Amino acid sequence: MSSLLTRISQTPGQCGGRPCIRGMRIRVSDILEMLAEMVSVNEILADFPDLELADIQACLLFAARL
């Protein structure tokens, strides 16, 4: 499970240093907000073709560990 967390990166200067997915400019907080607004995982994956299901799982795990 914790191997999922390797998908989350924090780079100073990128997205204000906020956690992102695999070095892309897709912030963890954006994915979590969409999930909270009841956007389905399939819709998120369709909107962000570079994302994988494991990236969304990593966001959830990251949030759970905060």
PDB file of N, CA and C in Angstrom:
ATOM      1  N   MET A   1       0.809  -1.201   0.000  1.00  0.00           N
ATOM      2  CA  MET A   1       0.000   0.000   0.000  1.00  0.00           C
ATOM      3  C   MET A   1       0.846   1.256   0.000  1.00  0.00           C
ATOM      4  N   SER A   2       1.868   1.301   0.848  1.00  0.00           N
ATOM      5  CA  SER A   2       2.663   2.526   0.928  1.00  0.00           C
ATOM      6  C   SER A   2       3.450   2.771  -0.357  1.00  0.00           C
ATOM      7  N   SER A   3       3.572   1.754  -1.215  1.00  0.00           N
ATOM      8  CA  SER A   3       4.234   1.979  -2.502  1.00  0.00           C
ATOM      9  C   SER A   3       3.415   2.939  -3.364  1.00  0.00           C
ATOM     10  N   LEU A   4       2.118   3.033  -3.095  1.00  0.00           N
ATOM     11  CA  LEU A   4       1.285   3.998  -3.811  1.00  0.00           C
ATOM     12  C   LEU A   4       1.763   5.418  -3.560  1.00  0.00           C
ATOM     13  N   LEU A   5       2.281   5.663  -2.375  1.00  0.00           N
ATOM     14  CA  LEU A   5       2.700   7.013  -2.014  1.00  0.00           C
ATOM     15  C   LEU A   5       3.882   7.507  -2.840  1.00  0.00           C
ATOM     16  N   THR A   6       4.591   6.600  -3.501  1.00  0.00           N
ATOM     17  CA  THR A   6       5.694   7.030  -4.364  1.00  0.00           C
ATOM     18  C   THR A   6       5.164   7.785  -5.589  1.00  0.00           C
ATOM     19  N   ARG A   7       3.868   7.682  -5.842  1.00  0.00           N
ATOM     20  CA  ARG A   7       3.243   8.397  -6.953  1.00  0.00           C
ATOM     21  C   ARG A   7       3.016   9.868  -6.620  1.00  0.00           C
ATOM     22  N   ILE A   8       3.137  10.234  -5.356  1.00  0.00           N
ATOM     23  CA  ILE A   8       2.918  11.606  -4.914  1.00  0.00           C
ATOM     24  C   ILE A   8       4.270  12.298  -4.768  1.00  0.00           C
ATOM     25  N   SER A   9       4.396  13.456  -5.403  1.00  0.00           N
ATOM     26  CA  SER A   9       5.654  14.203  -5.325  1.00  0.00           C
ATOM     27  C   SER A   9       5.384  15.621  -4.849  1.00  0.00           C
ATOM     28  N   GLN A  10       6.380  16.192  -4.187  1.00  0.00           N
ATOM     29  CA  GLN A  10       6.320  17.581  -3.754  1.00  0.00           C
ATOM     30  C   GLN A  10       7.615  18.241  -4.177  1.00  0.00           C
ATOM     31  N   THR A  11       7.518  19.169  -5.116  1.00  0.00           N
ATOM     32  CA  THR A  11       8.694  19.829  -5.655  1.00  0.00           C
ATOM     33  C   THR A  11       8.567  21.330  -5.433  1.00  0.00           C
ATOM     34  N   PRO A  12       9.524  21.921  -4.709  1.00  0.00           N
ATOM     35  CA  PRO A  12       9.468  23.375  -4.529  1.00  0.00           C
ATOM     36  C   PRO A  12       9.427  24.075  -5.895  1.00  0.00           C
ATOM     37  N   GLY A  13       8.563  25.053  -6.014  1.00  0.00           N
ATOM     38  CA  GLY A  13       8.444  25.790  -7.264  1.00  0.00           C
ATOM     39  C   GLY A  13       7.433  25.221  -8.236  1.00  0.00           C
ATOM     40  N   GLN A  14       6.975  24.005  -7.997  1.00  0.00           N
ATOM     41  CA  GLN A  14       5.955  23.410  -8.855  1.00  0.00           C
ATOM     42  C   GLN A  14       4.642  23.402  -8.095  1.00  0.00           C
ATOM     43  N   CYS A  15       3.644  24.050  -8.641  1.00  0.00           N
ATOM     44  CA  CYS A  15       2.318  24.142  -8.006  1.00  0.00           C
ATOM     45  C   CYS A  15       2.416  24.672  -6.585  1.00  0.00           C
ATOM     46  N   GLY A  16       3.317  25.612  -6.378  1.00  0.00           N
ATOM     47  CA  GLY A  16       3.466  26.205  -5.052  1.00  0.00           C
ATOM     48  C   GLY A  16       3.980  25.239  -4.007  1.00  0.00           C
ATOM     49  N   GLY A  17       4.642  24.172  -4.444  1.00  0.00           N
ATOM     50  CA  GLY A  17       5.176  23.185  -3.508  1.00  0.00           C
ATOM     51  C   GLY A  17       4.128  22.224  -2.971  1.00  0.00           C
ATOM     52  N   ARG A  18       2.921  22.305  -3.517  1.00  0.00           N
ATOM     53  CA  ARG A  18       1.846  21.418  -3.058  1.00  0.00           C
ATOM     54  C   ARG A  18       2.020  20.024  -3.660  1.00  0.00           C
ATOM     55  N   PRO A  19       1.536  19.000  -2.966  1.00  0.00           N
ATOM     56  CA  PRO A  19       1.676  17.624  -3.461  1.00  0.00           C
ATOM     57  C   PRO A  19       0.992  17.445  -4.819  1.00  0.00           C
ATOM     58  N   CYS A  20       1.710  16.802  -5.730  1.00  0.00           N
ATOM     59  CA  CYS A  20       1.224  16.537  -7.083  1.00  0.00           C
ATOM     60  C   CYS A  20       1.357  15.049  -7.381  1.00  0.00           C
ATOM     61  N   ILE A  21       0.772  14.655  -8.478  1.00  0.00           N
ATOM     62  CA  ILE A  21       0.802  13.253  -8.882  1.00  0.00           C
ATOM     63  C   ILE A  21       1.921  13.045  -9.895  1.00  0.00           C
ATOM     64  N   ARG A  22       2.839  12.167  -9.564  1.00  0.00           N
ATOM     65  CA  ARG A  22       3.947  11.735 -10.429  1.00  0.00           C
ATOM     66  C   ARG A  22       4.653  12.886 -11.130  1.00  0.00           C
ATOM     67  N   GLY A  23       4.857  13.978 -10.438  1.00  0.00           N
ATOM     68  CA  GLY A  23       5.599  15.090 -11.001  1.00  0.00           C
ATOM     69  C   GLY A  23       4.824  15.910 -12.018  1.00  0.00           C
ATOM     70  N   MET A  24       3.592  15.515 -12.292  1.00  0.00           N
ATOM     71  CA  MET A  24       2.760  16.285 -13.213  1.00  0.00           C
ATOM     72  C   MET A  24       2.178  17.469 -12.443  1.00  0.00           C
ATOM     73  N   ARG A  25       1.582  18.374 -13.134  1.00  0.00           N
ATOM     74  CA  ARG A  25       0.968  19.536 -12.491  1.00  0.00           C
ATOM     75  C   ARG A  25      -0.492  19.271 -12.143  1.00  0.00           C
ATOM     76  N   ILE A  26      -0.754  18.065 -11.717  1.00  0.00           N
ATOM     77  CA  ILE A  26      -2.080  17.690 -11.227  1.00  0.00           C
ATOM     78  C   ILE A  26      -1.961  17.549  -9.721  1.00  0.00           C
ATOM     79  N   ARG A  27      -2.602  18.470  -9.001  1.00  0.00           N
ATOM     80  CA  ARG A  27      -2.454  18.486  -7.546  1.00  0.00           C
ATOM     81  C   ARG A  27      -3.353  17.441  -6.884  1.00  0.00           C
ATOM     82  N   VAL A  28      -2.834  16.864  -5.831  1.00  0.00           N
ATOM     83  CA  VAL A  28      -3.588  15.901  -5.040  1.00  0.00           C
ATOM     84  C   VAL A  28      -4.885  16.545  -4.568  1.00  0.00           C
ATOM     85  N   SER A  29      -4.809  17.790  -4.113  1.00  0.00           N
ATOM     86  CA  SER A  29      -5.997  18.473  -3.593  1.00  0.00           C
ATOM     87  C   SER A  29      -7.087  18.603  -4.658  1.00  0.00           C
ATOM     88  N   ASP A  30      -6.710  18.797  -5.911  1.00  0.00           N
ATOM     89  CA  ASP A  30      -7.709  18.902  -6.984  1.00  0.00           C
ATOM     90  C   ASP A  30      -8.465  17.586  -7.158  1.00  0.00           C
ATOM     91  N   ILE A  31      -7.742  16.490  -7.117  1.00  0.00           N
ATOM     92  CA  ILE A  31      -8.382  15.175  -7.262  1.00  0.00           C
ATOM     93  C   ILE A  31      -9.293  14.906  -6.069  1.00  0.00           C
ATOM     94  N   LEU A  32      -8.822  15.222  -4.869  1.00  0.00           N
ATOM     95  CA  LEU A  32      -9.634  14.995  -3.678  1.00  0.00           C
ATOM     96  C   LEU A  32     -10.893  15.851  -3.691  1.00  0.00           C
ATOM     97  N   GLU A  33     -10.784  17.085  -4.138  1.00  0.00           N
ATOM     98  CA  GLU A  33     -11.964  17.955  -4.235  1.00  0.00           C
ATOM     99  C   GLU A  33     -12.977  17.395  -5.227  1.00  0.00           C
ATOM    100  N   MET A  34     -12.502  16.894  -6.347  1.00  0.00           N
ATOM    101  CA  MET A  34     -13.422  16.305  -7.324  1.00  0.00           C
ATOM    102  C   MET A  34     -14.145  15.095  -6.741  1.00  0.00           C
ATOM    103  N   LEU A  35     -13.408  14.264  -6.036  1.00  0.00           N
ATOM    104  CA  LEU A  35     -14.034  13.096  -5.417  1.00  0.00           C
ATOM    105  C   LEU A  35     -15.070  13.528  -4.381  1.00  0.00           C
ATOM    106  N   ALA A  36     -14.759  14.571  -3.618  1.00  0.00           N
ATOM    107  CA  ALA A  36     -15.690  15.082  -2.607  1.00  0.00           C
ATOM    108  C   ALA A  36     -16.949  15.658  -3.248  1.00  0.00           C
ATOM    109  N   GLU A  37     -16.814  16.148  -4.477  1.00  0.00           N
ATOM    110  CA  GLU A  37     -17.955  16.702  -5.205  1.00  0.00           C
ATOM    111  C   GLU A  37     -18.703  15.622  -5.990  1.00  0.00           C
ATOM    112  N   MET A  38     -18.387  14.372  -5.681  1.00  0.00           N
ATOM    113  CA  MET A  38     -19.045  13.209  -6.273  1.00  0.00           C
ATOM    114  C   MET A  38     -18.759  13.021  -7.764  1.00  0.00           C
ATOM    115  N   VAL A  39     -17.624  13.529  -8.222  1.00  0.00           N
ATOM    116  CA  VAL A  39     -17.183  13.231  -9.585  1.00  0.00           C
ATOM    117  C   VAL A  39     -16.667  11.792  -9.554  1.00  0.00           C
ATOM    118  N   SER A  40     -17.120  10.985 -10.474  1.00  0.00           N
ATOM    119  CA  SER A  40     -16.725   9.571 -10.446  1.00  0.00           C
ATOM    120  C   SER A  40     -15.268   9.401 -10.863  1.00  0.00           C
ATOM    121  N   VAL A  41     -14.705   8.308 -10.427  1.00  0.00           N
ATOM    122  CA  VAL A  41     -13.326   7.981 -10.793  1.00  0.00           C
ATOM    123  C   VAL A  41     -13.204   7.892 -12.314  1.00  0.00           C
ATOM    124  N   ASN A  42     -14.190   7.290 -12.957  1.00  0.00           N
ATOM    125  CA  ASN A  42     -14.145   7.169 -14.418  1.00  0.00           C
ATOM    126  C   ASN A  42     -14.157   8.538 -15.096  1.00  0.00           C
ATOM    127  N   GLU A  43     -14.927   9.484 -14.553  1.00  0.00           N
ATOM    128  CA  GLU A  43     -14.953  10.833 -15.116  1.00  0.00           C
ATOM    129  C   GLU A  43     -13.599  11.525 -14.946  1.00  0.00           C
ATOM    130  N   ILE A  44     -13.000  11.355 -13.774  1.00  0.00           N
ATOM    131  CA  ILE A  44     -11.685  11.956 -13.517  1.00  0.00           C
ATOM    132  C   ILE A  44     -10.660  11.388 -14.485  1.00  0.00           C
ATOM    133  N   LEU A  45     -10.669  10.081 -14.651  1.00  0.00           N
ATOM    134  CA  LEU A  45      -9.713   9.445 -15.560  1.00  0.00           C
ATOM    135  C   LEU A  45      -9.945   9.897 -17.004  1.00  0.00           C
ATOM    136  N   ALA A  46     -11.191  10.141 -17.367  1.00  0.00           N
ATOM    137  CA  ALA A  46     -11.489  10.625 -18.722  1.00  0.00           C
ATOM    138  C   ALA A  46     -11.010  12.066 -18.900  1.00  0.00           C
ATOM    139  N   ASP A  47     -11.156  12.875 -17.849  1.00  0.00           N
ATOM    140  CA  ASP A  47     -10.739  14.282 -17.921  1.00  0.00           C
ATOM    141  C   ASP A  47      -9.226  14.452 -17.888  1.00  0.00           C
ATOM    142  N   PHE A  48      -8.537  13.508 -17.270  1.00  0.00           N
ATOM    143  CA  PHE A  48      -7.077  13.566 -17.132  1.00  0.00           C
ATOM    144  C   PHE A  48      -6.487  12.270 -17.700  1.00  0.00           C
ATOM    145  N   PRO A  49      -6.319  12.191 -19.009  1.00  0.00           N
ATOM    146  CA  PRO A  49      -5.888  10.934 -19.633  1.00  0.00           C
ATOM    147  C   PRO A  49      -4.529  10.417 -19.160  1.00  0.00           C
ATOM    148  N   ASP A  50      -3.696  11.296 -18.584  1.00  0.00           N
ATOM    149  CA  ASP A  50      -2.389  10.843 -18.091  1.00  0.00           C
ATOM    150  C   ASP A  50      -2.488  10.154 -16.732  1.00  0.00           C
ATOM    151  N   LEU A  51      -3.638  10.284 -16.070  1.00  0.00           N
ATOM    152  CA  LEU A  51      -3.802   9.657 -14.758  1.00  0.00           C
ATOM    153  C   LEU A  51      -4.119   8.174 -14.901  1.00  0.00           C
ATOM    154  N   GLU A  52      -3.758   7.441 -13.858  1.00  0.00           N
ATOM    155  CA  GLU A  52      -4.085   6.018 -13.760  1.00  0.00           C
ATOM    156  C   GLU A  52      -4.883   5.814 -12.477  1.00  0.00           C
ATOM    157  N   LEU A  53      -5.613   4.736 -12.403  1.00  0.00           N
ATOM    158  CA  LEU A  53      -6.405   4.440 -11.212  1.00  0.00           C
ATOM    159  C   LEU A  53      -5.537   4.471  -9.957  1.00  0.00           C
ATOM    160  N   ALA A  54      -4.334   3.948 -10.044  1.00  0.00           N
ATOM    161  CA  ALA A  54      -3.429   3.925  -8.889  1.00  0.00           C
ATOM    162  C   ALA A  54      -3.086   5.338  -8.411  1.00  0.00           C
ATOM    163  N   ASP A  55      -3.107   6.325  -9.307  1.00  0.00           N
ATOM    164  CA  ASP A  55      -2.852   7.709  -8.905  1.00  0.00           C
ATOM    165  C   ASP A  55      -3.965   8.220  -7.993  1.00  0.00           C
ATOM    166  N   ILE A  56      -5.188   7.884  -8.333  1.00  0.00           N
ATOM    167  CA  ILE A  56      -6.325   8.307  -7.500  1.00  0.00           C
ATOM    168  C   ILE A  56      -6.270   7.592  -6.155  1.00  0.00           C
ATOM    169  N   GLN A  57      -5.936   6.312  -6.180  1.00  0.00           N
ATOM    170  CA  GLN A  57      -5.779   5.574  -4.924  1.00  0.00           C
ATOM    171  C   GLN A  57      -4.681   6.195  -4.075  1.00  0.00           C
ATOM    172  N   ALA A  58      -3.605   6.632  -4.700  1.00  0.00           N
ATOM    173  CA  ALA A  58      -2.500   7.269  -3.983  1.00  0.00           C
ATOM    174  C   ALA A  58      -2.960   8.565  -3.328  1.00  0.00           C
ATOM    175  N   CYS A  59      -3.792   9.335  -4.011  1.00  0.00           N
ATOM    176  CA  CYS A  59      -4.328  10.574  -3.431  1.00  0.00           C
ATOM    177  C   CYS A  59      -5.134  10.281  -2.177  1.00  0.00           C
ATOM    178  N   LEU A  60      -5.964   9.266  -2.248  1.00  0.00           N
ATOM    179  CA  LEU A  60      -6.779   8.897  -1.088  1.00  0.00           C
ATOM    180  C   LEU A  60      -5.919   8.423   0.074  1.00  0.00           C
ATOM    181  N   LEU A  61      -4.923   7.623  -0.215  1.00  0.00           N
ATOM    182  CA  LEU A  61      -4.025   7.145   0.822  1.00  0.00           C
ATOM    183  C   LEU A  61      -3.229   8.303   1.433  1.00  0.00           C
ATOM    184  N   PHE A  62      -2.766   9.211   0.588  1.00  0.00           N
ATOM    185  CA  PHE A  62      -2.033  10.388   1.059  1.00  0.00           C
ATOM    186  C   PHE A  62      -2.893  11.185   2.032  1.00  0.00           C
ATOM    187  N   ALA A  63      -4.151  11.423   1.659  1.00  0.00           N
ATOM    188  CA  ALA A  63      -5.069  12.176   2.525  1.00  0.00           C
ATOM    189  C   ALA A  63      -5.337  11.434   3.831  1.00  0.00           C
ATOM    190  N   ALA A  64      -5.481  10.135   3.758  1.00  0.00           N
ATOM    191  CA  ALA A  64      -5.768   9.345   4.962  1.00  0.00           C
ATOM    192  C   ALA A  64      -4.608   9.376   5.944  1.00  0.00           C
ATOM    193  N   ARG A  65      -3.415   9.532   5.425  1.00  0.00           N
ATOM    194  CA  ARG A  65      -2.237   9.519   6.299  1.00  0.00           C
ATOM    195  C   ARG A  65      -1.884  10.896   6.852  1.00  0.00           C
ATOM    196  N   LEU A  66      -2.583  11.939   6.417  1.00  0.00           N
ATOM    197  CA  LEU A  66      -2.303  13.274   6.942  1.00  0.00           C
ATOM    198  C   LEU A  66      -2.833  13.446   8.346  1.00  0.00           C
TER     199      LEU A  66
END
